[in-house]
């Protein structure tokens, strides 16, 4: 039971990381290159 729960939370974390990465890439696209 615990193992299933940790697998599920890991999956959720991966999904959140994927969305976060997409959001960061979207933001970086709108930021002028010179600011970096």
PDB file of N, CA and C in Angstrom:
ATOM      1  N   UNK A   1       0.841  -1.206   0.000  1.00  0.00           N
ATOM      2  CA  UNK A   1       0.000   0.000   0.000  1.00  0.00           C
ATOM      3  C   UNK A   1       0.876   1.256   0.000  1.00  0.00           C
ATOM      4  N   UNK A   2       1.865   1.292   0.877  1.00  0.00           N
ATOM      5  CA  UNK A   2       2.739   2.460   0.923  1.00  0.00           C
ATOM      6  C   UNK A   2       3.507   2.618  -0.383  1.00  0.00           C
ATOM      7  N   UNK A   3       3.948   1.478  -0.931  1.00  0.00           N
ATOM      8  CA  UNK A   3       4.734   1.541  -2.163  1.00  0.00           C
ATOM      9  C   UNK A   3       3.887   2.139  -3.290  1.00  0.00           C
ATOM     10  N   UNK A   4       2.621   1.732  -3.358  1.00  0.00           N
ATOM     11  CA  UNK A   4       1.740   2.289  -4.386  1.00  0.00           C
ATOM     12  C   UNK A   4       1.597   3.802  -4.208  1.00  0.00           C
ATOM     13  N   UNK A   5       1.486   4.211  -2.953  1.00  0.00           N
ATOM     14  CA  UNK A   5       1.286   5.646  -2.681  1.00  0.00           C
ATOM     15  C   UNK A   5       2.519   6.435  -3.123  1.00  0.00           C
ATOM     16  N   UNK A   6       3.703   5.917  -2.838  1.00  0.00           N
ATOM     17  CA  UNK A   6       4.912   6.647  -3.216  1.00  0.00           C
ATOM     18  C   UNK A   6       5.057   6.665  -4.730  1.00  0.00           C
ATOM     19  N   UNK A   7       4.705   5.581  -5.402  1.00  0.00           N
ATOM     20  CA  UNK A   7       4.759   5.571  -6.862  1.00  0.00           C
ATOM     21  C   UNK A   7       3.814   6.617  -7.424  1.00  0.00           C
ATOM     22  N   UNK A   8       2.631   6.710  -6.854  1.00  0.00           N
ATOM     23  CA  UNK A   8       1.641   7.675  -7.322  1.00  0.00           C
ATOM     24  C   UNK A   8       2.151   9.098  -7.105  1.00  0.00           C
ATOM     25  N   UNK A   9       2.711   9.374  -5.945  1.00  0.00           N
ATOM     26  CA  UNK A   9       3.197  10.720  -5.666  1.00  0.00           C
ATOM     27  C   UNK A   9       4.389  11.048  -6.562  1.00  0.00           C
ATOM     28  N   UNK A  10       5.221  10.028  -6.870  1.00  0.00           N
ATOM     29  CA  UNK A  10       6.336  10.256  -7.783  1.00  0.00           C
ATOM     30  C   UNK A  10       5.815  10.627  -9.161  1.00  0.00           C
ATOM     31  N   UNK A  11       4.771   9.941  -9.600  1.00  0.00           N
ATOM     32  CA  UNK A  11       4.174  10.237 -10.910  1.00  0.00           C
ATOM     33  C   UNK A  11       3.627  11.660 -10.923  1.00  0.00           C
ATOM     34  N   UNK A  12       2.933  12.028  -9.854  1.00  0.00           N
ATOM     35  CA  UNK A  12       2.386  13.389  -9.761  1.00  0.00           C
ATOM     36  C   UNK A  12       3.517  14.408  -9.792  1.00  0.00           C
ATOM     37  N   UNK A  13       4.601  14.123  -9.071  1.00  0.00           N
ATOM     38  CA  UNK A  13       5.736  15.041  -9.042  1.00  0.00           C
ATOM     39  C   UNK A  13       6.339  15.180 -10.437  1.00  0.00           C
ATOM     40  N   UNK A  14       6.441  14.060 -11.165  1.00  0.00           N
ATOM     41  CA  UNK A  14       6.995  14.128 -12.521  1.00  0.00           C
ATOM     42  C   UNK A  14       6.113  14.983 -13.418  1.00  0.00           C
ATOM     43  N   UNK A  15       4.799  14.828 -13.265  1.00  0.00           N
ATOM     44  CA  UNK A  15       3.864  15.615 -14.079  1.00  0.00           C
ATOM     45  C   UNK A  15       4.022  17.097 -13.753  1.00  0.00           C
ATOM     46  N   UNK A  16       4.121  17.414 -12.459  1.00  0.00           N
ATOM     47  CA  UNK A  16       4.270  18.813 -12.064  1.00  0.00           C
ATOM     48  C   UNK A  16       5.586  19.378 -12.589  1.00  0.00           C
ATOM     49  N   UNK A  17       6.661  18.578 -12.520  1.00  0.00           N
ATOM     50  CA  UNK A  17       7.954  19.043 -13.023  1.00  0.00           C
ATOM     51  C   UNK A  17       7.876  19.295 -14.519  1.00  0.00           C
ATOM     52  N   UNK A  18       7.172  18.409 -15.232  1.00  0.00           N
ATOM     53  CA  UNK A  18       7.031  18.592 -16.672  1.00  0.00           C
ATOM     54  C   UNK A  18       6.318  19.889 -16.995  1.00  0.00           C
ATOM     55  N   UNK A  19       5.236  20.168 -16.261  1.00  0.00           N
ATOM     56  CA  UNK A  19       4.487  21.409 -16.497  1.00  0.00           C
ATOM     57  C   UNK A  19       5.339  22.612 -16.125  1.00  0.00           C
ATOM     58  N   UNK A  20       6.074  22.490 -15.019  1.00  0.00           N
ATOM     59  CA  UNK A  20       6.917  23.593 -14.576  1.00  0.00           C
ATOM     60  C   UNK A  20       7.968  23.904 -15.642  1.00  0.00           C
ATOM     61  N   UNK A  21       8.572  22.853 -16.188  1.00  0.00           N
ATOM     62  CA  UNK A  21       9.596  23.036 -17.221  1.00  0.00           C
ATOM     63  C   UNK A  21       8.991  23.722 -18.442  1.00  0.00           C
ATOM     64  N   UNK A  22       7.775  23.307 -18.823  1.00  0.00           N
ATOM     65  CA  UNK A  22       7.111  23.930 -19.975  1.00  0.00           C
ATOM     66  C   UNK A  22       6.865  25.409 -19.698  1.00  0.00           C
ATOM     67  N   UNK A  23       6.417  25.717 -18.471  1.00  0.00           N
ATOM     68  CA  UNK A  23       6.147  27.113 -18.127  1.00  0.00           C
ATOM     69  C   UNK A  23       7.433  27.939 -18.166  1.00  0.00           C
ATOM     70  N   UNK A  24       8.523  27.375 -17.656  1.00  0.00           N
ATOM     71  CA  UNK A  24       9.803  28.092 -17.649  1.00  0.00           C
ATOM     72  C   UNK A  24      10.250  28.360 -19.079  1.00  0.00           C
ATOM     73  N   UNK A  25      10.106  27.342 -19.953  1.00  0.00           N
ATOM     74  CA  UNK A  25      10.510  27.529 -21.346  1.00  0.00           C
ATOM     75  C   UNK A  25       9.668  28.616 -22.008  1.00  0.00           C
ATOM     76  N   UNK A  26       8.361  28.639 -21.690  1.00  0.00           N
ATOM     77  CA  UNK A  26       7.489  29.665 -22.261  1.00  0.00           C
ATOM     78  C   UNK A  26       7.943  31.056 -21.797  1.00  0.00           C
ATOM     79  N   UNK A  27       8.271  31.171 -20.512  1.00  0.00           N
ATOM     80  CA  UNK A  27       8.711  32.460 -19.976  1.00  0.00           C
ATOM     81  C   UNK A  27      10.023  32.883 -20.632  1.00  0.00           C
ATOM     82  N   UNK A  28      10.949  31.930 -20.757  1.00  0.00           N
ATOM     83  CA  UNK A  28      12.256  32.262 -21.341  1.00  0.00           C
ATOM     84  C   UNK A  28      12.104  32.703 -22.791  1.00  0.00           C
ATOM     85  N   UNK A  29      11.100  32.158 -23.488  1.00  0.00           N
ATOM     86  CA  UNK A  29      10.890  32.565 -24.874  1.00  0.00           C
ATOM     87  C   UNK A  29      10.512  34.046 -24.949  1.00  0.00           C
ATOM     88  N   UNK A  30       9.797  34.537 -23.941  1.00  0.00           N
ATOM     89  CA  UNK A  30       9.328  35.925 -23.966  1.00  0.00           C
ATOM     90  C   UNK A  30      10.374  36.883 -23.403  1.00  0.00           C
ATOM     91  N   UNK A  31      11.393  36.338 -22.719  1.00  0.00           N
ATOM     92  CA  UNK A  31      12.425  37.210 -22.144  1.00  0.00           C
ATOM     93  C   UNK A  31      13.470  37.510 -23.223  1.00  0.00           C
ATOM     94  N   UNK A  32      13.833  38.759 -23.394  1.00  0.00           N
ATOM     95  CA  UNK A  32      14.879  39.105 -24.368  1.00  0.00           C
ATOM     96  C   UNK A  32      16.192  38.402 -24.025  1.00  0.00           C
ATOM     97  N   UNK A  33      16.933  38.009 -25.056  1.00  0.00           N
ATOM     98  CA  UNK A  33      18.151  37.225 -24.838  1.00  0.00           C
ATOM     99  C   UNK A  33      19.180  38.036 -24.057  1.00  0.00           C
ATOM    100  N   UNK A  34      19.190  39.344 -24.231  1.00  0.00           N
ATOM    101  CA  UNK A  34      20.202  40.162 -23.587  1.00  0.00           C
ATOM    102  C   UNK A  34      20.090  40.189 -22.068  1.00  0.00           C
ATOM    103  N   UNK A  35      18.900  39.860 -21.539  1.00  0.00           N
ATOM    104  CA  UNK A  35      18.692  39.938 -20.094  1.00  0.00           C
ATOM    105  C   UNK A  35      19.449  38.824 -19.381  1.00  0.00           C
ATOM    106  N   UNK A  36      19.586  37.676 -20.053  1.00  0.00           N
ATOM    107  CA  UNK A  36      20.262  36.553 -19.413  1.00  0.00           C
ATOM    108  C   UNK A  36      21.691  36.935 -19.076  1.00  0.00           C
TER     109      UNK A  36
END
